[in-house]
PDB file of N, CA and C in Angstrom:
ATOM      1  N   UNK A   1      74.438 -12.119  13.379  1.00  0.00           N
ATOM      2  CA  UNK A   1      75.458 -11.598  14.271  1.00  0.00           C
ATOM      3  C   UNK A   1      76.393 -10.643  13.530  1.00  0.00           C
ATOM      4  N   UNK A   2      76.817 -11.006  12.349  1.00  0.00           N
ATOM      5  CA  UNK A   2      77.725 -10.164  11.579  1.00  0.00           C
ATOM      6  C   UNK A   2      77.071  -8.850  11.236  1.00  0.00           C
ATOM      7  N   UNK A   3      75.717  -8.889  10.989  1.00  0.00           N
ATOM      8  CA  UNK A   3      75.006  -7.657  10.717  1.00  0.00           C
ATOM      9  C   UNK A   3      75.095  -6.686  11.864  1.00  0.00           C
ATOM     10  N   UNK A   4      75.038  -7.207  13.094  1.00  0.00           N
ATOM     11  CA  UNK A   4      75.102  -6.320  14.268  1.00  0.00           C
ATOM     12  C   UNK A   4      76.527  -5.694  14.386  1.00  0.00           C
ATOM     13  N   UNK A   5      77.543  -6.465  14.024  1.00  0.00           N
ATOM     14  CA  UNK A   5      78.886  -5.907  14.048  1.00  0.00           C
ATOM     15  C   UNK A   5      79.024  -4.778  13.035  1.00  0.00           C
ATOM     16  N   UNK A   6      78.528  -5.018  11.834  1.00  0.00           N
ATOM     17  CA  UNK A   6      78.629  -3.970  10.801  1.00  0.00           C
ATOM     18  C   UNK A   6      77.735  -2.770  11.141  1.00  0.00           C
ATOM     19  N   UNK A   7      76.544  -3.018  11.684  1.00  0.00           N
ATOM     20  CA  UNK A   7      75.702  -1.894  12.120  1.00  0.00           C
ATOM     21  C   UNK A   7      76.405  -1.055  13.160  1.00  0.00           C
ATOM     22  N   UNK A   8      77.011  -1.736  14.122  1.00  0.00           N
ATOM     23  CA  UNK A   8      77.724  -1.012  15.180  1.00  0.00           C
ATOM     24  C   UNK A   8      78.862  -0.195  14.624  1.00  0.00           C
ATOM     25  N   UNK A   9      79.597  -0.774  13.659  1.00  0.00           N
ATOM     26  CA  UNK A   9      80.681  -0.038  13.009  1.00  0.00           C
ATOM     27  C   UNK A   9      80.167   1.121  12.229  1.00  0.00           C
ATOM     28  N   UNK A  10      79.060   0.995  11.528  1.00  0.00           N
ATOM     29  CA  UNK A  10      78.510   2.068  10.748  1.00  0.00           C
ATOM     30  C   UNK A  10      78.142   3.228  11.639  1.00  0.00           C
ATOM     31  N   UNK A  11      77.432   2.925  12.725  1.00  0.00           N
ATOM     32  CA  UNK A  11      76.941   3.963  13.633  1.00  0.00           C
ATOM     33  C   UNK A  11      78.086   4.603  14.410  1.00  0.00           C
ATOM     34  N   UNK A  12      78.912   3.733  15.054  1.00  0.00           N
ATOM     35  CA  UNK A  12      80.007   4.239  15.936  1.00  0.00           C
ATOM     36  C   UNK A  12      81.095   4.932  15.128  1.00  0.00           C
ATOM     37  N   UNK A  13      81.574   4.294  14.073  1.00  0.00           N
ATOM     38  CA  UNK A  13      82.674   4.895  13.311  1.00  0.00           C
ATOM     39  C   UNK A  13      82.182   6.110  12.512  1.00  0.00           C
ATOM     40  N   UNK A  14      80.995   6.003  11.959  1.00  0.00           N
ATOM     41  CA  UNK A  14      80.480   7.125  11.182  1.00  0.00           C
ATOM     42  C   UNK A  14      80.192   8.346  12.033  1.00  0.00           C
ATOM     43  N   UNK A  15      79.551   8.135  13.177  1.00  0.00           N
ATOM     44  CA  UNK A  15      79.273   9.231  14.091  1.00  0.00           C
ATOM     45  C   UNK A  15      80.591   9.750  14.716  1.00  0.00           C
ATOM     46  N   UNK A  16      81.413   8.872  15.100  1.00  0.00           N
ATOM     47  CA  UNK A  16      82.720   9.289  15.651  1.00  0.00           C
ATOM     48  C   UNK A  16      83.510  10.105  14.661  1.00  0.00           C
ATOM     49  N   UNK A  17      83.472   9.706  13.393  1.00  0.00           N
ATOM     50  CA  UNK A  17      84.145  10.488  12.341  1.00  0.00           C
ATOM     51  C   UNK A  17      83.559  11.837  12.165  1.00  0.00           C
ATOM     52  N   UNK A  18      82.252  11.916  12.187  1.00  0.00           N
ATOM     53  CA  UNK A  18      81.588  13.220  12.045  1.00  0.00           C
ATOM     54  C   UNK A  18      81.933  14.135  13.221  1.00  0.00           C
ATOM     55  N   UNK A  19      81.990  13.552  14.441  1.00  0.00           N
ATOM     56  CA  UNK A  19      82.330  14.377  15.603  1.00  0.00           C
ATOM     57  C   UNK A  19      83.782  14.862  15.507  1.00  0.00           C
ATOM     58  N   UNK A  20      84.691  14.019  15.022  1.00  0.00           N
ATOM     59  CA  UNK A  20      86.085  14.409  14.901  1.00  0.00           C
ATOM     60  C   UNK A  20      86.220  15.503  13.843  1.00  0.00           C
ATOM     61  N   UNK A  21      85.565  15.354  12.726  1.00  0.00           N
ATOM     62  CA  UNK A  21      85.625  16.383  11.661  1.00  0.00           C
ATOM     63  C   UNK A  21      85.006  17.677  12.151  1.00  0.00           C
ATOM     64  N   UNK A  22      83.920  17.606  12.884  1.00  0.00           N
ATOM     65  CA  UNK A  22      83.331  18.833  13.461  1.00  0.00           C
ATOM     66  C   UNK A  22      84.278  19.517  14.399  1.00  0.00           C
ATOM     67  N   UNK A  23      84.935  18.730  15.252  1.00  0.00           N
ATOM     68  CA  UNK A  23      85.940  19.301  16.164  1.00  0.00           C
ATOM     69  C   UNK A  23      87.056  19.985  15.414  1.00  0.00           C
ATOM     70  N   UNK A  24      87.520  19.341  14.352  1.00  0.00           N
ATOM     71  CA  UNK A  24      88.587  19.912  13.523  1.00  0.00           C
ATOM     72  C   UNK A  24      88.145  21.205  12.870  1.00  0.00           C
ATOM     73  N   UNK A  25      86.951  21.208  12.332  1.00  0.00           N
ATOM     74  CA  UNK A  25      86.464  22.397  11.647  1.00  0.00           C
ATOM     75  C   UNK A  25      86.217  23.559  12.570  1.00  0.00           C
ATOM     76  N   UNK A  26      85.822  23.284  13.805  1.00  0.00           N
ATOM     77  CA  UNK A  26      85.684  24.334  14.780  1.00  0.00           C
ATOM     78  C   UNK A  26      87.054  24.953  15.124  1.00  0.00           C
ATOM     79  N   UNK A  27      88.113  24.124  15.090  1.00  0.00           N
ATOM     80  CA  UNK A  27      89.458  24.642  15.310  1.00  0.00           C
ATOM     81  C   UNK A  27      89.936  25.501  14.145  1.00  0.00           C
ATOM     82  N   UNK A  28      89.569  25.113  12.956  1.00  0.00           N
ATOM     83  CA  UNK A  28      89.989  25.832  11.725  1.00  0.00           C
ATOM     84  C   UNK A  28      89.214  27.144  11.597  1.00  0.00           C
ATOM     85  N   UNK A  29      87.925  27.119  11.864  1.00  0.00           N
ATOM     86  CA  UNK A  29      87.085  28.313  11.740  1.00  0.00           C
ATOM     87  C   UNK A  29      86.218  28.285  10.495  1.00  0.00           C
ATOM     88  N   UNK A  30      85.455  29.349  10.324  1.00  0.00           N
ATOM     89  CA  UNK A  30      84.531  29.419   9.206  1.00  0.00           C
ATOM     90  C   UNK A  30      85.225  29.891   7.938  1.00  0.00           C
ATOM     91  N   UNK A  31      84.621  29.585   6.819  1.00  0.00           N
ATOM     92  CA  UNK A  31      85.079  30.108   5.520  1.00  0.00           C
ATOM     93  C   UNK A  31      84.407  31.467   5.326  1.00  0.00           C
ATOM     94  N   UNK A  32      85.198  32.510   5.123  1.00  0.00           N
ATOM     95  CA  UNK A  32      84.623  33.830   4.871  1.00  0.00           C
ATOM     96  C   UNK A  32      85.015  34.332   3.462  1.00  0.00           C
ATOM     97  N   UNK A  33      86.054  33.779   2.900  1.00  0.00           N
ATOM     98  CA  UNK A  33      86.571  34.245   1.608  1.00  0.00           C
ATOM     99  C   UNK A  33      86.491  33.040   0.671  1.00  0.00           C
ATOM    100  N   UNK A  34      85.708  33.210  -0.397  1.00  0.00           N
ATOM    101  CA  UNK A  34      85.464  32.105  -1.312  1.00  0.00           C
ATOM    102  C   UNK A  34      86.299  32.185  -2.608  1.00  0.00           C
ATOM    103  N   UNK A  35      87.317  32.999  -2.618  1.00  0.00           N
ATOM    104  CA  UNK A  35      88.186  33.017  -3.774  1.00  0.00           C
ATOM    105  C   UNK A  35      89.036  31.771  -3.780  1.00  0.00           C
ATOM    106  N   UNK A  36      89.436  31.273  -4.949  1.00  0.00           N
ATOM    107  CA  UNK A  36      90.138  29.985  -4.998  1.00  0.00           C
ATOM    108  C   UNK A  36      91.395  29.924  -4.111  1.00  0.00           C
ATOM    109  N   UNK A  37      92.166  30.986  -4.096  1.00  0.00           N
ATOM    110  CA  UNK A  37      93.404  30.945  -3.272  1.00  0.00           C
ATOM    111  C   UNK A  37      93.056  30.859  -1.776  1.00  0.00           C
ATOM    112  N   UNK A  38      92.008  31.573  -1.366  1.00  0.00           N
ATOM    113  CA  UNK A  38      91.624  31.539   0.049  1.00  0.00           C
ATOM    114  C   UNK A  38      91.054  30.180   0.413  1.00  0.00           C
ATOM    115  N   UNK A  39      90.291  29.583  -0.521  1.00  0.00           N
ATOM    116  CA  UNK A  39      89.746  28.227  -0.265  1.00  0.00           C
ATOM    117  C   UNK A  39      90.895  27.191  -0.179  1.00  0.00           C
ATOM    118  N   UNK A  40      91.900  27.340  -1.007  1.00  0.00           N
ATOM    119  CA  UNK A  40      93.047  26.445  -0.944  1.00  0.00           C
ATOM    120  C   UNK A  40      93.760  26.562   0.390  1.00  0.00           C
ATOM    121  N   UNK A  41      93.928  27.784   0.876  1.00  0.00           N
ATOM    122  CA  UNK A  41      94.526  27.995   2.227  1.00  0.00           C
ATOM    123  C   UNK A  41      93.717  27.346   3.309  1.00  0.00           C
ATOM    124  N   UNK A  42      92.384  27.497   3.159  1.00  0.00           N
ATOM    125  CA  UNK A  42      91.462  26.916   4.143  1.00  0.00           C
ATOM    126  C   UNK A  42      91.575  25.400   4.158  1.00  0.00           C
ATOM    127  N   UNK A  43      91.564  24.771   2.991  1.00  0.00           N
ATOM    128  CA  UNK A  43      91.710  23.297   2.897  1.00  0.00           C
ATOM    129  C   UNK A  43      93.068  22.887   3.489  1.00  0.00           C
ATOM    130  N   UNK A  44      94.101  23.614   3.173  1.00  0.00           N
ATOM    131  CA  UNK A  44      95.424  23.290   3.725  1.00  0.00           C
ATOM    132  C   UNK A  44      95.415  23.388   5.252  1.00  0.00           C
ATOM    133  N   UNK A  45      94.784  24.371   5.797  1.00  0.00           N
ATOM    134  CA  UNK A  45      94.678  24.494   7.252  1.00  0.00           C
ATOM    135  C   UNK A  45      93.924  23.329   7.856  1.00  0.00           C
ATOM    136  N   UNK A  46      92.818  22.944   7.218  1.00  0.00           N
ATOM    137  CA  UNK A  46      92.025  21.808   7.714  1.00  0.00           C
ATOM    138  C   UNK A  46      92.817  20.511   7.616  1.00  0.00           C
ATOM    139  N   UNK A  47      93.593  20.349   6.578  1.00  0.00           N
ATOM    140  CA  UNK A  47      94.349  19.140   6.376  1.00  0.00           C
ATOM    141  C   UNK A  47      95.477  18.970   7.414  1.00  0.00           C
ATOM    142  N   UNK A  48      95.838  20.042   8.066  1.00  0.00           N
ATOM    143  CA  UNK A  48      96.911  19.965   9.055  1.00  0.00           C
ATOM    144  C   UNK A  48      96.392  19.678  10.477  1.00  0.00           C
ATOM    145  N   UNK A  49      95.086  19.533  10.605  1.00  0.00           N
ATOM    146  CA  UNK A  49      94.510  19.229  11.916  1.00  0.00           C
ATOM    147  C   UNK A  49      94.346  17.722  12.051  1.00  0.00           C
ATOM    148  N   UNK A  50      94.927  17.156  13.069  1.00  0.00           N
ATOM    149  CA  UNK A  50      94.919  15.714  13.245  1.00  0.00           C
ATOM    150  C   UNK A  50      93.512  15.121  13.387  1.00  0.00           C
ATOM    151  N   UNK A  51      92.630  15.865  14.040  1.00  0.00           N
ATOM    152  CA  UNK A  51      91.265  15.339  14.184  1.00  0.00           C
ATOM    153  C   UNK A  51      90.585  15.142  12.850  1.00  0.00           C
ATOM    154  N   UNK A  52      90.952  15.926  11.878  1.00  0.00           N
ATOM    155  CA  UNK A  52      90.354  15.774  10.514  1.00  0.00           C
ATOM    156  C   UNK A  52      90.701  14.391   9.947  1.00  0.00           C
ATOM    157  N   UNK A  53      91.962  13.984  10.088  1.00  0.00           N
ATOM    158  CA  UNK A  53      92.391  12.695   9.522  1.00  0.00           C
ATOM    159  C   UNK A  53      91.823  11.504  10.314  1.00  0.00           C
ATOM    160  N   UNK A  54      91.708  11.684  11.622  1.00  0.00           N
ATOM    161  CA  UNK A  54      91.073  10.642  12.433  1.00  0.00           C
ATOM    162  C   UNK A  54      89.619  10.485  11.984  1.00  0.00           C
ATOM    163  N   UNK A  55      88.933  11.616  11.789  1.00  0.00           N
ATOM    164  CA  UNK A  55      87.528  11.572  11.358  1.00  0.00           C
ATOM    165  C   UNK A  55      87.393  10.948   9.982  1.00  0.00           C
ATOM    166  N   UNK A  56      88.268  11.301   9.082  1.00  0.00           N
ATOM    167  CA  UNK A  56      88.191  10.727   7.707  1.00  0.00           C
ATOM    168  C   UNK A  56      88.420   9.207   7.783  1.00  0.00           C
ATOM    169  N   UNK A  57      89.379   8.799   8.572  1.00  0.00           N
ATOM    170  CA  UNK A  57      89.611   7.354   8.750  1.00  0.00           C
ATOM    171  C   UNK A  57      88.429   6.618   9.290  1.00  0.00           C
ATOM    172  N   UNK A  58      87.803   7.191  10.319  1.00  0.00           N
ATOM    173  CA  UNK A  58      86.635   6.543  10.916  1.00  0.00           C
ATOM    174  C   UNK A  58      85.462   6.511   9.931  1.00  0.00           C
ATOM    175  N   UNK A  59      85.275   7.570   9.197  1.00  0.00           N
ATOM    176  CA  UNK A  59      84.188   7.603   8.216  1.00  0.00           C
ATOM    177  C   UNK A  59      84.454   6.604   7.070  1.00  0.00           C
ATOM    178  N   UNK A  60      85.709   6.337   6.786  1.00  0.00           N
ATOM    179  CA  UNK A  60      86.056   5.342   5.783  1.00  0.00           C
ATOM    180  C   UNK A  60      85.656   3.942   6.267  1.00  0.00           C
ATOM    181  N   UNK A  61      85.951   3.674   7.522  1.00  0.00           N
ATOM    182  CA  UNK A  61      85.555   2.369   8.118  1.00  0.00           C
ATOM    183  C   UNK A  61      84.020   2.232   8.065  1.00  0.00           C
ATOM    184  N   UNK A  62      83.297   3.295   8.381  1.00  0.00           N
ATOM    185  CA  UNK A  62      81.863   3.244   8.348  1.00  0.00           C
ATOM    186  C   UNK A  62      81.321   3.021   6.946  1.00  0.00           C
ATOM    187  N   UNK A  63      81.947   3.656   5.956  1.00  0.00           N
ATOM    188  CA  UNK A  63      81.519   3.474   4.565  1.00  0.00           C
ATOM    189  C   UNK A  63      81.677   2.035   4.104  1.00  0.00           C
ATOM    190  N   UNK A  64      82.847   1.431   4.386  1.00  0.00           N
ATOM    191  CA  UNK A  64      83.057   0.058   3.928  1.00  0.00           C
ATOM    192  C   UNK A  64      82.203  -0.928   4.765  1.00  0.00           C
ATOM    193  N   UNK A  65      81.889  -0.604   5.975  1.00  0.00           N
ATOM    194  CA  UNK A  65      80.959  -1.402   6.762  1.00  0.00           C
ATOM    195  C   UNK A  65      79.560  -1.329   6.148  1.00  0.00           C
ATOM    196  N   UNK A  66      79.185  -0.158   5.688  1.00  0.00           N
ATOM    197  CA  UNK A  66      77.895   0.011   5.025  1.00  0.00           C
ATOM    198  C   UNK A  66      77.837  -0.809   3.766  1.00  0.00           C
ATOM    199  N   UNK A  67      78.910  -0.801   2.970  1.00  0.00           N
ATOM    200  CA  UNK A  67      78.961  -1.615   1.729  1.00  0.00           C
ATOM    201  C   UNK A  67      78.791  -3.101   2.105  1.00  0.00           C
ATOM    202  N   UNK A  68      79.472  -3.538   3.151  1.00  0.00           N
ATOM    203  CA  UNK A  68      79.381  -4.936   3.573  1.00  0.00           C
ATOM    204  C   UNK A  68      77.965  -5.297   4.012  1.00  0.00           C
ATOM    205  N   UNK A  69      77.345  -4.411   4.770  1.00  0.00           N
ATOM    206  CA  UNK A  69      75.993  -4.674   5.239  1.00  0.00           C
ATOM    207  C   UNK A  69      75.006  -4.698   4.089  1.00  0.00           C
ATOM    208  N   UNK A  70      75.186  -3.820   3.118  1.00  0.00           N
ATOM    209  CA  UNK A  70      74.296  -3.803   1.968  1.00  0.00           C
ATOM    210  C   UNK A  70      74.445  -5.082   1.117  1.00  0.00           C
ATOM    211  N   UNK A  71      75.571  -5.719   1.201  1.00  0.00           N
ATOM    212  CA  UNK A  71      75.741  -7.003   0.472  1.00  0.00           C
ATOM    213  C   UNK A  71      75.022  -8.133   1.164  1.00  0.00           C
ATOM    214  N   UNK A  72      74.622  -7.933   2.437  1.00  0.00           N
ATOM    215  CA  UNK A  72      73.978  -9.000   3.205  1.00  0.00           C
ATOM    216  C   UNK A  72      72.491  -8.772   3.431  1.00  0.00           C
ATOM    217  N   UNK A  73      72.078  -7.518   3.470  1.00  0.00           N
ATOM    218  CA  UNK A  73      70.695  -7.176   3.837  1.00  0.00           C
ATOM    219  C   UNK A  73      70.055  -6.280   2.759  1.00  0.00           C
ATOM    220  N   UNK A  74      68.739  -6.197   2.814  1.00  0.00           N
ATOM    221  CA  UNK A  74      68.007  -5.314   1.896  1.00  0.00           C
ATOM    222  C   UNK A  74      68.219  -3.829   2.293  1.00  0.00           C
ATOM    223  N   UNK A  75      68.273  -2.986   1.288  1.00  0.00           N
ATOM    224  CA  UNK A  75      68.455  -1.583   1.542  1.00  0.00           C
ATOM    225  C   UNK A  75      67.307  -1.003   2.337  1.00  0.00           C
ATOM    226  N   UNK A  76      66.092  -1.592   2.196  1.00  0.00           N
ATOM    227  CA  UNK A  76      64.948  -1.130   2.966  1.00  0.00           C
ATOM    228  C   UNK A  76      65.054  -1.397   4.442  1.00  0.00           C
ATOM    229  N   UNK A  77      66.016  -2.279   4.806  1.00  0.00           N
ATOM    230  CA  UNK A  77      66.321  -2.522   6.208  1.00  0.00           C
ATOM    231  C   UNK A  77      67.554  -1.709   6.656  1.00  0.00           C
ATOM    232  N   UNK A  78      68.575  -1.696   5.828  1.00  0.00           N
ATOM    233  CA  UNK A  78      69.869  -1.115   6.223  1.00  0.00           C
ATOM    234  C   UNK A  78      69.744   0.389   6.429  1.00  0.00           C
ATOM    235  N   UNK A  79      69.129   1.098   5.477  1.00  0.00           N
ATOM    236  CA  UNK A  79      69.080   2.567   5.584  1.00  0.00           C
ATOM    237  C   UNK A  79      68.293   3.020   6.808  1.00  0.00           C
ATOM    238  N   UNK A  80      67.097   2.503   7.070  1.00  0.00           N
ATOM    239  CA  UNK A  80      66.409   2.972   8.282  1.00  0.00           C
ATOM    240  C   UNK A  80      67.153   2.594   9.574  1.00  0.00           C
ATOM    241  N   UNK A  81      67.768   1.444   9.647  1.00  0.00           N
ATOM    242  CA  UNK A  81      68.428   1.024  10.877  1.00  0.00           C
ATOM    243  C   UNK A  81      69.672   1.896  11.132  1.00  0.00           C
ATOM    244  N   UNK A  82      70.373   2.299  10.086  1.00  0.00           N
ATOM    245  CA  UNK A  82      71.548   3.127  10.300  1.00  0.00           C
ATOM    246  C   UNK A  82      71.171   4.546  10.741  1.00  0.00           C
ATOM    247  N   UNK A  83      69.868   4.837  10.800  1.00  0.00           N
ATOM    248  CA  UNK A  83      69.419   6.127  11.335  1.00  0.00           C
ATOM    249  C   UNK A  83      69.749   6.239  12.821  1.00  0.00           C
ATOM    250  N   UNK A  84      70.177   5.151  13.419  1.00  0.00           N
ATOM    251  CA  UNK A  84      70.636   5.198  14.816  1.00  0.00           C
ATOM    252  C   UNK A  84      71.813   6.195  14.973  1.00  0.00           C
ATOM    253  N   UNK A  85      72.478   6.467  13.846  1.00  0.00           N
ATOM    254  CA  UNK A  85      73.566   7.438  13.897  1.00  0.00           C
ATOM    255  C   UNK A  85      73.082   8.821  14.302  1.00  0.00           C
ATOM    256  N   UNK A  86      71.809   9.131  14.046  1.00  0.00           N
ATOM    257  CA  UNK A  86      71.256  10.431  14.482  1.00  0.00           C
ATOM    258  C   UNK A  86      71.250  10.515  16.002  1.00  0.00           C
ATOM    259  N   UNK A  87      70.852   9.427  16.642  1.00  0.00           N
ATOM    260  CA  UNK A  87      70.844   9.401  18.112  1.00  0.00           C
ATOM    261  C   UNK A  87      72.262   9.444  18.630  1.00  0.00           C
ATOM    262  N   UNK A  88      73.122   8.657  18.011  1.00  0.00           N
ATOM    263  CA  UNK A  88      74.545   8.651  18.471  1.00  0.00           C
ATOM    264  C   UNK A  88      75.185  10.046  18.260  1.00  0.00           C
ATOM    265  N   UNK A  89      74.795  10.715  17.171  1.00  0.00           N
ATOM    266  CA  UNK A  89      75.359  12.048  16.905  1.00  0.00           C
ATOM    267  C   UNK A  89      74.894  13.063  17.961  1.00  0.00           C
ATOM    268  N   UNK A  90      73.662  12.990  18.367  1.00  0.00           N
ATOM    269  CA  UNK A  90      73.139  13.900  19.386  1.00  0.00           C
ATOM    270  C   UNK A  90      73.837  13.647  20.723  1.00  0.00           C
ATOM    271  N   UNK A  91      73.981  12.384  21.063  1.00  0.00           N
ATOM    272  CA  UNK A  91      74.645  12.035  22.336  1.00  0.00           C
ATOM    273  C   UNK A  91      76.106  12.471  22.274  1.00  0.00           C
ATOM    274  N   UNK A  92      76.787  12.160  21.173  1.00  0.00           N
ATOM    275  CA  UNK A  92      78.176  12.549  21.029  1.00  0.00           C
ATOM    276  C   UNK A  92      78.377  14.055  21.047  1.00  0.00           C
ATOM    277  N   UNK A  93      77.437  14.776  20.405  1.00  0.00           N
ATOM    278  CA  UNK A  93      77.563  16.225  20.383  1.00  0.00           C
ATOM    279  C   UNK A  93      77.410  16.779  21.801  1.00  0.00           C
ATOM    280  N   UNK A  94      76.502  16.199  22.579  1.00  0.00           N
ATOM    281  CA  UNK A  94      76.298  16.689  23.935  1.00  0.00           C
ATOM    282  C   UNK A  94      77.471  16.353  24.851  1.00  0.00           C
ATOM    283  N   UNK A  95      78.018  15.130  24.693  1.00  0.00           N
ATOM    284  CA  UNK A  95      79.090  14.692  25.603  1.00  0.00           C
ATOM    285  C   UNK A  95      80.457  15.212  25.186  1.00  0.00           C
ATOM    286  N   UNK A  96      80.796  15.104  23.903  1.00  0.00           N
ATOM    287  CA  UNK A  96      82.161  15.423  23.491  1.00  0.00           C
ATOM    288  C   UNK A  96      82.352  16.855  22.992  1.00  0.00           C
ATOM    289  N   UNK A  97      81.343  17.369  22.330  1.00  0.00           N
ATOM    290  CA  UNK A  97      81.438  18.718  21.794  1.00  0.00           C
ATOM    291  C   UNK A  97      80.798  19.762  22.715  1.00  0.00           C
ATOM    292  N   UNK A  98      80.190  19.279  23.756  1.00  0.00           N
ATOM    293  CA  UNK A  98      79.516  20.146  24.762  1.00  0.00           C
ATOM    294  C   UNK A  98      78.427  21.030  24.150  1.00  0.00           C
ATOM    295  N   UNK A  99      77.720  20.463  23.191  1.00  0.00           N
ATOM    296  CA  UNK A  99      76.614  21.207  22.563  1.00  0.00           C
ATOM    297  C   UNK A  99      75.382  21.069  23.445  1.00  0.00           C
ATOM    298  N   UNK A 100      74.566  22.124  23.475  1.00  0.00           N
ATOM    299  CA  UNK A 100      73.309  22.093  24.183  1.00  0.00           C
ATOM    300  C   UNK A 100      72.233  21.549  23.231  1.00  0.00           C
ATOM    301  N   UNK A 101      71.563  20.499  23.653  1.00  0.00           N
ATOM    302  CA  UNK A 101      70.537  19.849  22.845  1.00  0.00           C
ATOM    303  C   UNK A 101      69.173  20.178  23.475  1.00  0.00           C
ATOM    304  N   UNK A 102      68.260  20.779  22.686  1.00  0.00           N
ATOM    305  CA  UNK A 102      66.978  21.136  23.241  1.00  0.00           C
ATOM    306  C   UNK A 102      66.096  19.912  23.483  1.00  0.00           C
ATOM    307  N   UNK A 103      65.060  20.086  24.283  1.00  0.00           N
ATOM    308  CA  UNK A 103      64.123  18.987  24.554  1.00  0.00           C
ATOM    309  C   UNK A 103      63.440  18.546  23.281  1.00  0.00           C
ATOM    310  N   UNK A 104      63.167  19.489  22.406  1.00  0.00           N
ATOM    311  CA  UNK A 104      62.492  19.183  21.139  1.00  0.00           C
ATOM    312  C   UNK A 104      63.420  18.264  20.287  1.00  0.00           C
ATOM    313  N   UNK A 105      64.707  18.536  20.275  1.00  0.00           N
ATOM    314  CA  UNK A 105      65.629  17.669  19.511  1.00  0.00           C
ATOM    315  C   UNK A 105      65.726  16.301  20.143  1.00  0.00           C
ATOM    316  N   UNK A 106      65.761  16.230  21.486  1.00  0.00           N
ATOM    317  CA  UNK A 106      65.786  14.911  22.125  1.00  0.00           C
ATOM    318  C   UNK A 106      64.519  14.122  21.809  1.00  0.00           C
ATOM    319  N   UNK A 107      63.401  14.817  21.715  1.00  0.00           N
ATOM    320  CA  UNK A 107      62.148  14.143  21.342  1.00  0.00           C
ATOM    321  C   UNK A 107      62.268  13.595  19.932  1.00  0.00           C
ATOM    322  N   UNK A 108      62.861  14.367  19.024  1.00  0.00           N
ATOM    323  CA  UNK A 108      63.075  13.882  17.656  1.00  0.00           C
ATOM    324  C   UNK A 108      63.968  12.666  17.627  1.00  0.00           C
ATOM    325  N   UNK A 109      65.025  12.665  18.462  1.00  0.00           N
ATOM    326  CA  UNK A 109      65.919  11.486  18.549  1.00  0.00           C
ATOM    327  C   UNK A 109      65.141  10.267  19.058  1.00  0.00           C
ATOM    328  N   UNK A 110      64.266  10.458  20.009  1.00  0.00           N
ATOM    329  CA  UNK A 110      63.418   9.377  20.517  1.00  0.00           C
ATOM    330  C   UNK A 110      62.518   8.813  19.447  1.00  0.00           C
ATOM    331  N   UNK A 111      61.957   9.714  18.630  1.00  0.00           N
ATOM    332  CA  UNK A 111      61.081   9.251  17.540  1.00  0.00           C
ATOM    333  C   UNK A 111      61.886   8.440  16.540  1.00  0.00           C
ATOM    334  N   UNK A 112      63.094   8.879  16.207  1.00  0.00           N
ATOM    335  CA  UNK A 112      63.948   8.136  15.289  1.00  0.00           C
ATOM    336  C   UNK A 112      64.242   6.740  15.872  1.00  0.00           C
ATOM    337  N   UNK A 113      64.580   6.680  17.153  1.00  0.00           N
ATOM    338  CA  UNK A 113      64.870   5.375  17.789  1.00  0.00           C
ATOM    339  C   UNK A 113      63.643   4.478  17.768  1.00  0.00           C
ATOM    340  N   UNK A 114      62.480   5.021  18.018  1.00  0.00           N
ATOM    341  CA  UNK A 114      61.260   4.203  17.918  1.00  0.00           C
ATOM    342  C   UNK A 114      61.077   3.662  16.509  1.00  0.00           C
ATOM    343  N   UNK A 115      61.311   4.485  15.509  1.00  0.00           N
ATOM    344  CA  UNK A 115      61.230   4.035  14.133  1.00  0.00           C
ATOM    345  C   UNK A 115      62.222   2.921  13.826  1.00  0.00           C
ATOM    346  N   UNK A 116      63.442   3.075  14.299  1.00  0.00           N
ATOM    347  CA  UNK A 116      64.462   2.024  14.092  1.00  0.00           C
ATOM    348  C   UNK A 116      63.999   0.736  14.771  1.00  0.00           C
ATOM    349  N   UNK A 117      63.419   0.866  15.938  1.00  0.00           N
ATOM    350  CA  UNK A 117      62.948  -0.355  16.647  1.00  0.00           C
ATOM    351  C   UNK A 117      61.863  -1.029  15.834  1.00  0.00           C
ATOM    352  N   UNK A 118      60.930  -0.288  15.268  1.00  0.00           N
ATOM    353  CA  UNK A 118      59.893  -0.899  14.407  1.00  0.00           C
ATOM    354  C   UNK A 118      60.480  -1.618  13.214  1.00  0.00           C
ATOM    355  N   UNK A 119      61.468  -0.975  12.574  1.00  0.00           N
ATOM    356  CA  UNK A 119      62.112  -1.627  11.412  1.00  0.00           C
ATOM    357  C   UNK A 119      62.823  -2.875  11.839  1.00  0.00           C
ATOM    358  N   UNK A 120      63.524  -2.826  12.946  1.00  0.00           N
ATOM    359  CA  UNK A 120      64.305  -3.984  13.442  1.00  0.00           C
ATOM    360  C   UNK A 120      63.349  -5.156  13.788  1.00  0.00           C
ATOM    361  N   UNK A 121      62.237  -4.853  14.410  1.00  0.00           N
ATOM    362  CA  UNK A 121      61.249  -5.886  14.789  1.00  0.00           C
ATOM    363  C   UNK A 121      60.573  -6.490  13.591  1.00  0.00           C
ATOM    364  N   UNK A 122      60.466  -5.749  12.493  1.00  0.00           N
ATOM    365  CA  UNK A 122      59.841  -6.252  11.299  1.00  0.00           C
ATOM    366  C   UNK A 122      60.799  -7.042  10.393  1.00  0.00           C
ATOM    367  N   UNK A 123      62.024  -7.197  10.850  1.00  0.00           N
ATOM    368  CA  UNK A 123      63.065  -7.875  10.075  1.00  0.00           C
ATOM    369  C   UNK A 123      62.680  -9.332   9.823  1.00  0.00           C
ATOM    370  N   UNK A 124      62.651  -9.681   8.619  1.00  0.00           N
ATOM    371  CA  UNK A 124      62.320 -11.044   8.148  1.00  0.00           C
ATOM    372  C   UNK A 124      61.194 -11.622   8.880  1.00  0.00           C
TER     373      UNK A 124
END
């Protein structure tokens, strides 16, 4: 039961964090100038976006949940099962970031989900 809680936190918080950071970075814009002073200004701009900090916080929760899960389960189980974050990322990108996801990408997400199902069913 505890493994399911940690898996849910890894997938939900990790993907939510990535979506928040992506949203923040789209607000900041692309890096075009790679000189140190320009990079420092860019980092400062990104640090002032609230979504960036929400994303970092969520990704921190996901990281520590991953550590907890690795203390309970084999890495050969944990790493493949956390691939559910790829499916969550595609769904989140479509719903929250309004990205267009091609049929080919959805097929790839389905293949990942089938693989996760196989790993989950082979558990112990």
